N, C-alpha and C. Protein backbone atom coordinates (compact mmCIF):
# COMPACT_ATOMS: atom_id res chain seq x y z
N MET A 1 0.85 -1.18 0.00
CA MET A 1 0.00 0.00 0.00
C MET A 1 0.89 1.23 0.00
N ALA A 2 0.55 2.17 -0.82
CA ALA A 2 1.34 3.41 -0.93
C ALA A 2 1.15 4.28 0.31
N ARG A 3 2.18 5.03 0.62
CA ARG A 3 2.12 5.94 1.75
C ARG A 3 1.24 7.13 1.37
N PRO A 4 0.42 7.64 2.32
CA PRO A 4 -0.43 8.79 2.00
C PRO A 4 0.39 10.03 1.67
N ARG A 5 -0.16 10.90 0.85
CA ARG A 5 0.53 12.12 0.44
C ARG A 5 0.69 13.05 1.62
N THR A 6 1.82 13.69 1.70
CA THR A 6 2.09 14.67 2.74
C THR A 6 1.35 15.96 2.41
N PRO A 7 0.57 16.51 3.35
CA PRO A 7 -0.09 17.79 3.09
C PRO A 7 0.94 18.87 2.80
N MET A 8 0.61 19.79 1.91
CA MET A 8 1.56 20.82 1.50
C MET A 8 2.00 21.67 2.68
N ALA A 9 1.08 21.99 3.59
CA ALA A 9 1.46 22.81 4.75
C ALA A 9 2.49 22.10 5.61
N LYS A 10 2.33 20.79 5.78
CA LYS A 10 3.29 20.02 6.56
C LYS A 10 4.62 19.94 5.81
N ALA A 11 4.55 19.77 4.48
CA ALA A 11 5.78 19.70 3.68
C ALA A 11 6.58 20.99 3.80
N LYS A 12 5.90 22.12 3.84
CA LYS A 12 6.61 23.39 3.99
C LYS A 12 7.24 23.51 5.36
N LEU A 13 6.54 23.04 6.40
CA LEU A 13 7.10 23.11 7.76
C LEU A 13 8.30 22.19 7.93
N THR A 14 8.25 21.02 7.31
CA THR A 14 9.34 20.06 7.47
C THR A 14 10.48 20.29 6.49
N GLY A 15 10.23 21.09 5.46
CA GLY A 15 11.25 21.32 4.45
C GLY A 15 11.23 20.28 3.34
N ALA A 16 10.24 19.38 3.37
CA ALA A 16 10.15 18.33 2.35
C ALA A 16 9.93 18.91 0.96
N ASP A 17 9.24 20.05 0.88
CA ASP A 17 9.01 20.67 -0.43
C ASP A 17 10.29 21.19 -1.05
N LYS A 18 11.28 21.52 -0.22
CA LYS A 18 12.58 21.98 -0.72
C LYS A 18 13.51 20.80 -1.00
N ALA A 19 13.43 19.78 -0.14
CA ALA A 19 14.30 18.62 -0.28
C ALA A 19 13.92 17.78 -1.50
N HIS A 20 12.63 17.68 -1.79
CA HIS A 20 12.15 16.87 -2.91
C HIS A 20 11.11 17.65 -3.70
N PRO A 21 11.52 18.71 -4.40
CA PRO A 21 10.55 19.54 -5.12
C PRO A 21 9.80 18.77 -6.21
N GLU A 22 10.39 17.72 -6.75
CA GLU A 22 9.72 16.95 -7.79
C GLU A 22 8.46 16.27 -7.29
N ARG A 23 8.39 15.98 -6.01
CA ARG A 23 7.21 15.33 -5.44
C ARG A 23 6.03 16.29 -5.33
N PHE A 24 6.31 17.58 -5.30
CA PHE A 24 5.26 18.57 -5.09
C PHE A 24 4.97 19.40 -6.34
N ARG A 25 5.70 19.14 -7.41
CA ARG A 25 5.51 19.86 -8.67
C ARG A 25 4.15 19.51 -9.25
N GLY A 26 3.40 20.51 -9.66
CA GLY A 26 2.11 20.27 -10.29
C GLY A 26 0.99 19.92 -9.32
N ARG A 27 1.25 19.98 -8.05
CA ARG A 27 0.22 19.65 -7.07
C ARG A 27 -0.72 20.84 -6.90
N PHE A 28 -2.00 20.56 -6.87
CA PHE A 28 -2.99 21.61 -6.67
C PHE A 28 -2.98 22.02 -5.21
N ASN A 29 -2.75 23.28 -4.97
CA ASN A 29 -2.75 23.82 -3.61
C ASN A 29 -3.80 24.92 -3.52
N PRO A 30 -4.91 24.65 -2.84
CA PRO A 30 -5.96 25.66 -2.74
C PRO A 30 -5.42 26.94 -2.10
N LYS A 31 -5.80 28.05 -2.65
CA LYS A 31 -5.39 29.35 -2.10
C LYS A 31 -6.32 29.72 -0.96
N GLY A 32 -5.74 30.34 0.02
CA GLY A 32 -6.54 30.86 1.14
C GLY A 32 -7.20 29.80 1.98
N GLU A 33 -6.51 28.68 2.19
CA GLU A 33 -7.09 27.65 3.05
C GLU A 33 -7.31 28.21 4.45
N GLN A 34 -8.46 27.94 4.97
CA GLN A 34 -8.82 28.44 6.29
C GLN A 34 -8.20 27.56 7.37
N PRO A 35 -7.81 28.16 8.50
CA PRO A 35 -7.33 27.33 9.62
C PRO A 35 -8.45 26.45 10.13
N VAL A 36 -8.09 25.48 10.94
CA VAL A 36 -9.06 24.48 11.38
C VAL A 36 -10.22 25.11 12.17
N GLY A 37 -10.01 26.15 12.92
CA GLY A 37 -11.10 26.84 13.61
C GLY A 37 -11.62 26.11 14.83
N ASP A 38 -12.82 26.46 15.21
CA ASP A 38 -13.45 25.91 16.42
C ASP A 38 -14.10 24.56 16.14
N PRO A 39 -14.23 23.74 17.18
CA PRO A 39 -14.88 22.43 17.00
C PRO A 39 -16.36 22.59 16.69
N PRO A 40 -16.95 21.63 15.99
CA PRO A 40 -18.38 21.68 15.69
C PRO A 40 -19.23 21.64 16.96
N SER A 41 -20.41 22.22 16.89
CA SER A 41 -21.27 22.34 18.07
C SER A 41 -21.81 21.01 18.57
N PHE A 42 -21.90 19.98 17.72
CA PHE A 42 -22.46 18.70 18.14
C PHE A 42 -21.51 17.88 19.02
N MET A 43 -20.26 18.29 19.13
CA MET A 43 -19.29 17.53 19.91
C MET A 43 -19.48 17.76 21.40
N THR A 44 -19.10 16.77 22.20
CA THR A 44 -19.19 16.90 23.66
C THR A 44 -18.06 17.79 24.15
N ALA A 45 -18.12 18.17 25.42
CA ALA A 45 -17.09 19.04 26.00
C ALA A 45 -15.71 18.38 25.94
N LYS A 46 -15.64 17.08 26.25
CA LYS A 46 -14.34 16.38 26.21
C LYS A 46 -13.81 16.29 24.79
N GLU A 47 -14.68 16.08 23.82
CA GLU A 47 -14.26 16.02 22.42
C GLU A 47 -13.76 17.39 21.95
N LYS A 48 -14.44 18.45 22.38
CA LYS A 48 -14.01 19.81 22.02
C LYS A 48 -12.64 20.13 22.64
N THR A 49 -12.42 19.67 23.85
CA THR A 49 -11.12 19.88 24.49
C THR A 49 -10.02 19.17 23.70
N ALA A 50 -10.30 17.94 23.27
CA ALA A 50 -9.33 17.20 22.46
C ALA A 50 -9.09 17.92 21.14
N TRP A 51 -10.14 18.40 20.51
CA TRP A 51 -10.03 19.14 19.23
C TRP A 51 -9.09 20.33 19.39
N ARG A 52 -9.35 21.12 20.42
CA ARG A 52 -8.53 22.33 20.64
C ARG A 52 -7.07 21.98 20.93
N ASP A 53 -6.86 20.89 21.64
CA ASP A 53 -5.50 20.46 21.93
C ASP A 53 -4.77 20.07 20.65
N PHE A 54 -5.41 19.29 19.79
CA PHE A 54 -4.80 18.91 18.52
C PHE A 54 -4.54 20.14 17.65
N ALA A 55 -5.51 21.04 17.58
CA ALA A 55 -5.36 22.25 16.76
C ALA A 55 -4.20 23.12 17.26
N ARG A 56 -4.02 23.15 18.57
CA ARG A 56 -2.92 23.94 19.15
C ARG A 56 -1.57 23.28 18.87
N ARG A 57 -1.51 21.97 18.97
CA ARG A 57 -0.25 21.25 18.79
C ARG A 57 0.17 21.13 17.33
N TRP A 58 -0.80 21.09 16.41
CA TRP A 58 -0.51 20.86 14.99
C TRP A 58 -0.94 22.07 14.18
N PRO A 59 -0.08 23.05 14.01
CA PRO A 59 -0.47 24.28 13.31
C PRO A 59 -0.73 24.11 11.83
N TRP A 60 -0.42 22.96 11.24
CA TRP A 60 -0.65 22.75 9.82
C TRP A 60 -2.06 22.31 9.49
N LEU A 61 -2.92 22.11 10.50
CA LEU A 61 -4.30 21.69 10.24
C LEU A 61 -5.08 22.81 9.58
N THR A 62 -5.96 22.43 8.65
CA THR A 62 -6.82 23.40 7.97
C THR A 62 -8.27 22.96 8.10
N ALA A 63 -9.17 23.79 7.60
CA ALA A 63 -10.60 23.47 7.65
C ALA A 63 -10.91 22.18 6.89
N ALA A 64 -10.11 21.84 5.91
CA ALA A 64 -10.31 20.60 5.15
C ALA A 64 -10.08 19.36 6.01
N ASP A 65 -9.38 19.51 7.13
CA ASP A 65 -9.10 18.39 8.02
C ASP A 65 -10.23 18.14 9.02
N GLU A 66 -11.27 18.96 9.00
CA GLU A 66 -12.32 18.87 10.01
C GLU A 66 -12.95 17.50 10.15
N PRO A 67 -13.39 16.83 9.08
CA PRO A 67 -14.04 15.53 9.27
C PRO A 67 -13.14 14.50 9.97
N ALA A 68 -11.90 14.43 9.58
CA ALA A 68 -10.99 13.47 10.20
C ALA A 68 -10.64 13.89 11.63
N LEU A 69 -10.56 15.20 11.87
CA LEU A 69 -10.25 15.68 13.21
C LEU A 69 -11.40 15.41 14.17
N VAL A 70 -12.62 15.44 13.68
CA VAL A 70 -13.78 15.08 14.51
C VAL A 70 -13.62 13.64 15.01
N ALA A 71 -13.31 12.74 14.09
CA ALA A 71 -13.14 11.33 14.47
C ALA A 71 -12.00 11.15 15.46
N LEU A 72 -10.89 11.85 15.24
CA LEU A 72 -9.74 11.74 16.13
C LEU A 72 -10.08 12.26 17.53
N ALA A 73 -10.76 13.39 17.60
CA ALA A 73 -11.15 13.95 18.90
C ALA A 73 -12.12 13.01 19.63
N GLN A 74 -13.02 12.38 18.88
CA GLN A 74 -13.95 11.44 19.50
C GLN A 74 -13.22 10.20 20.02
N LEU A 75 -12.25 9.72 19.27
CA LEU A 75 -11.45 8.59 19.75
C LEU A 75 -10.71 8.93 21.03
N ARG A 76 -10.13 10.14 21.07
CA ARG A 76 -9.40 10.54 22.27
C ARG A 76 -10.33 10.65 23.47
N ALA A 77 -11.53 11.17 23.26
CA ALA A 77 -12.50 11.28 24.36
C ALA A 77 -12.87 9.89 24.88
N LEU A 78 -13.01 8.93 23.98
CA LEU A 78 -13.31 7.55 24.41
C LEU A 78 -12.16 6.98 25.24
N ILE A 79 -10.95 7.21 24.80
CA ILE A 79 -9.78 6.69 25.51
C ILE A 79 -9.64 7.32 26.89
N GLU A 80 -9.97 8.60 27.00
CA GLU A 80 -9.84 9.29 28.28
C GLU A 80 -11.01 9.04 29.23
N ASP A 81 -12.09 8.44 28.74
CA ASP A 81 -13.27 8.17 29.57
C ASP A 81 -13.00 6.95 30.44
N PRO A 82 -12.99 7.13 31.77
CA PRO A 82 -12.68 5.99 32.64
C PRO A 82 -13.75 4.89 32.60
N LYS A 83 -14.97 5.21 32.18
CA LYS A 83 -16.04 4.22 32.13
C LYS A 83 -16.05 3.42 30.83
N GLU A 84 -15.33 3.89 29.83
CA GLU A 84 -15.33 3.26 28.52
C GLU A 84 -14.46 2.00 28.52
N GLN A 85 -14.98 0.94 27.90
CA GLN A 85 -14.21 -0.29 27.74
C GLN A 85 -13.19 -0.05 26.64
N LYS A 86 -11.91 -0.21 26.97
CA LYS A 86 -10.85 0.03 26.00
C LYS A 86 -10.39 -1.28 25.39
N THR A 87 -10.30 -1.26 24.06
CA THR A 87 -9.84 -2.44 23.34
C THR A 87 -8.57 -2.10 22.59
N ALA A 88 -7.87 -3.12 22.16
CA ALA A 88 -6.67 -2.90 21.36
C ALA A 88 -7.05 -2.22 20.04
N ALA A 89 -8.21 -2.54 19.51
CA ALA A 89 -8.65 -1.92 18.25
C ALA A 89 -8.86 -0.42 18.41
N LEU A 90 -9.35 0.01 19.57
CA LEU A 90 -9.55 1.43 19.83
C LEU A 90 -8.20 2.16 19.84
N TYR A 91 -7.23 1.59 20.51
CA TYR A 91 -5.90 2.20 20.55
C TYR A 91 -5.22 2.17 19.18
N THR A 92 -5.45 1.10 18.43
CA THR A 92 -4.88 1.02 17.09
C THR A 92 -5.47 2.09 16.19
N ALA A 93 -6.78 2.26 16.24
CA ALA A 93 -7.43 3.29 15.43
C ALA A 93 -6.93 4.68 15.82
N TYR A 94 -6.76 4.91 17.11
CA TYR A 94 -6.26 6.22 17.60
C TYR A 94 -4.84 6.47 17.11
N ARG A 95 -3.99 5.47 17.23
CA ARG A 95 -2.60 5.61 16.79
C ARG A 95 -2.52 5.86 15.29
N LEU A 96 -3.30 5.13 14.52
CA LEU A 96 -3.29 5.32 13.07
C LEU A 96 -3.81 6.70 12.68
N ALA A 97 -4.84 7.16 13.37
CA ALA A 97 -5.38 8.49 13.08
C ALA A 97 -4.36 9.57 13.39
N ILE A 98 -3.67 9.44 14.50
CA ILE A 98 -2.63 10.42 14.85
C ILE A 98 -1.52 10.40 13.80
N ASN A 99 -1.16 9.21 13.36
CA ASN A 99 -0.12 9.09 12.35
C ASN A 99 -0.53 9.76 11.04
N GLU A 100 -1.80 9.66 10.67
CA GLU A 100 -2.29 10.30 9.44
C GLU A 100 -2.12 11.81 9.48
N PHE A 101 -2.20 12.39 10.66
CA PHE A 101 -2.03 13.83 10.81
C PHE A 101 -0.57 14.23 10.97
N GLY A 102 0.33 13.27 11.02
CA GLY A 102 1.74 13.58 11.24
C GLY A 102 2.00 13.92 12.69
N GLY A 103 1.29 13.30 13.60
CA GLY A 103 1.39 13.65 15.00
C GLY A 103 2.04 12.62 15.90
N THR A 104 2.67 11.59 15.33
CA THR A 104 3.38 10.64 16.19
C THR A 104 4.66 11.29 16.68
N SER A 105 5.27 10.69 17.66
CA SER A 105 6.50 11.29 18.20
C SER A 105 7.59 11.37 17.13
N VAL A 106 7.65 10.40 16.25
CA VAL A 106 8.65 10.42 15.19
C VAL A 106 8.36 11.53 14.18
N SER A 107 7.13 11.58 13.68
CA SER A 107 6.83 12.61 12.68
C SER A 107 6.79 14.01 13.30
N ARG A 108 6.46 14.10 14.57
CA ARG A 108 6.46 15.41 15.23
C ARG A 108 7.89 15.94 15.32
N SER A 109 8.86 15.05 15.47
CA SER A 109 10.25 15.50 15.54
C SER A 109 10.74 16.02 14.20
N LYS A 110 10.08 15.63 13.11
CA LYS A 110 10.48 16.09 11.78
C LYS A 110 9.86 17.43 11.42
N VAL A 111 8.82 17.84 12.12
CA VAL A 111 8.13 19.09 11.81
C VAL A 111 8.81 20.22 12.57
N HIS A 112 9.22 21.23 11.85
CA HIS A 112 9.82 22.40 12.48
C HIS A 112 9.47 23.63 11.67
N ALA A 113 9.44 24.75 12.32
CA ALA A 113 9.14 26.00 11.63
C ALA A 113 10.32 26.38 10.75
N PRO A 114 10.06 26.85 9.54
CA PRO A 114 11.17 27.25 8.68
C PRO A 114 11.90 28.46 9.24
N VAL A 115 13.20 28.49 9.01
CA VAL A 115 14.01 29.61 9.48
C VAL A 115 13.74 30.80 8.58
N ALA A 116 13.58 31.97 9.18
CA ALA A 116 13.33 33.18 8.41
C ALA A 116 14.53 33.48 7.53
N GLU A 117 14.24 33.82 6.28
CA GLU A 117 15.32 34.13 5.35
C GLU A 117 15.90 35.50 5.68
N ASP A 118 17.19 35.62 5.48
CA ASP A 118 17.87 36.88 5.71
C ASP A 118 17.52 37.83 4.57
N GLU A 119 16.85 38.93 4.90
CA GLU A 119 16.41 39.89 3.89
C GLU A 119 17.57 40.61 3.22
N SER A 120 18.73 40.66 3.88
CA SER A 120 19.85 41.39 3.31
C SER A 120 20.60 40.57 2.25
N ASP A 121 20.33 39.28 2.16
CA ASP A 121 21.00 38.43 1.19
C ASP A 121 20.20 38.40 -0.11
N PRO A 122 20.70 39.00 -1.19
CA PRO A 122 19.93 39.04 -2.43
C PRO A 122 19.79 37.68 -3.10
N PHE A 123 20.63 36.70 -2.75
CA PHE A 123 20.56 35.38 -3.36
C PHE A 123 19.74 34.38 -2.53
N ALA A 124 19.22 34.80 -1.39
CA ALA A 124 18.48 33.90 -0.51
C ALA A 124 17.25 33.32 -1.21
N LYS A 125 16.58 34.11 -2.03
CA LYS A 125 15.37 33.61 -2.69
C LYS A 125 15.66 32.56 -3.76
N PHE A 126 16.92 32.44 -4.18
CA PHE A 126 17.31 31.45 -5.16
C PHE A 126 17.87 30.19 -4.51
N GLY A 127 17.93 30.16 -3.17
CA GLY A 127 18.45 29.00 -2.46
C GLY A 127 19.96 28.91 -2.52
N MET A 128 20.62 30.04 -2.84
CA MET A 128 22.08 30.04 -2.93
C MET A 128 22.64 30.69 -1.67
N GLN A 129 23.78 30.22 -1.26
CA GLN A 129 24.41 30.80 -0.07
C GLN A 129 25.82 31.20 -0.34
């Protein structure tokens, strides 16, 4: 099975778009993508707390991620509920969902904010040093 495509926002944060520009050439990137925003009103208080925590930790999330983020927040609320019966399948689904967002400890270590380019260097925009 092929690995899922890296979201463009994540690729820019990790530098993958610079390291492998051929992978991102010709990719459709919607202009003006909205940030993920507030959780939907139908979610419970615990699910909304999980939503806000994920949105705070993962700045690359956009409004297009909302359906999957709803499911992830609901999974987290189930895991944190002391009355809920926890199964291996529940933890597996949670781990896989986190991985899809690039939120595992390994992928989180690869995400970093890009360094601001030096405005005084006229060749900085060409990637030359």
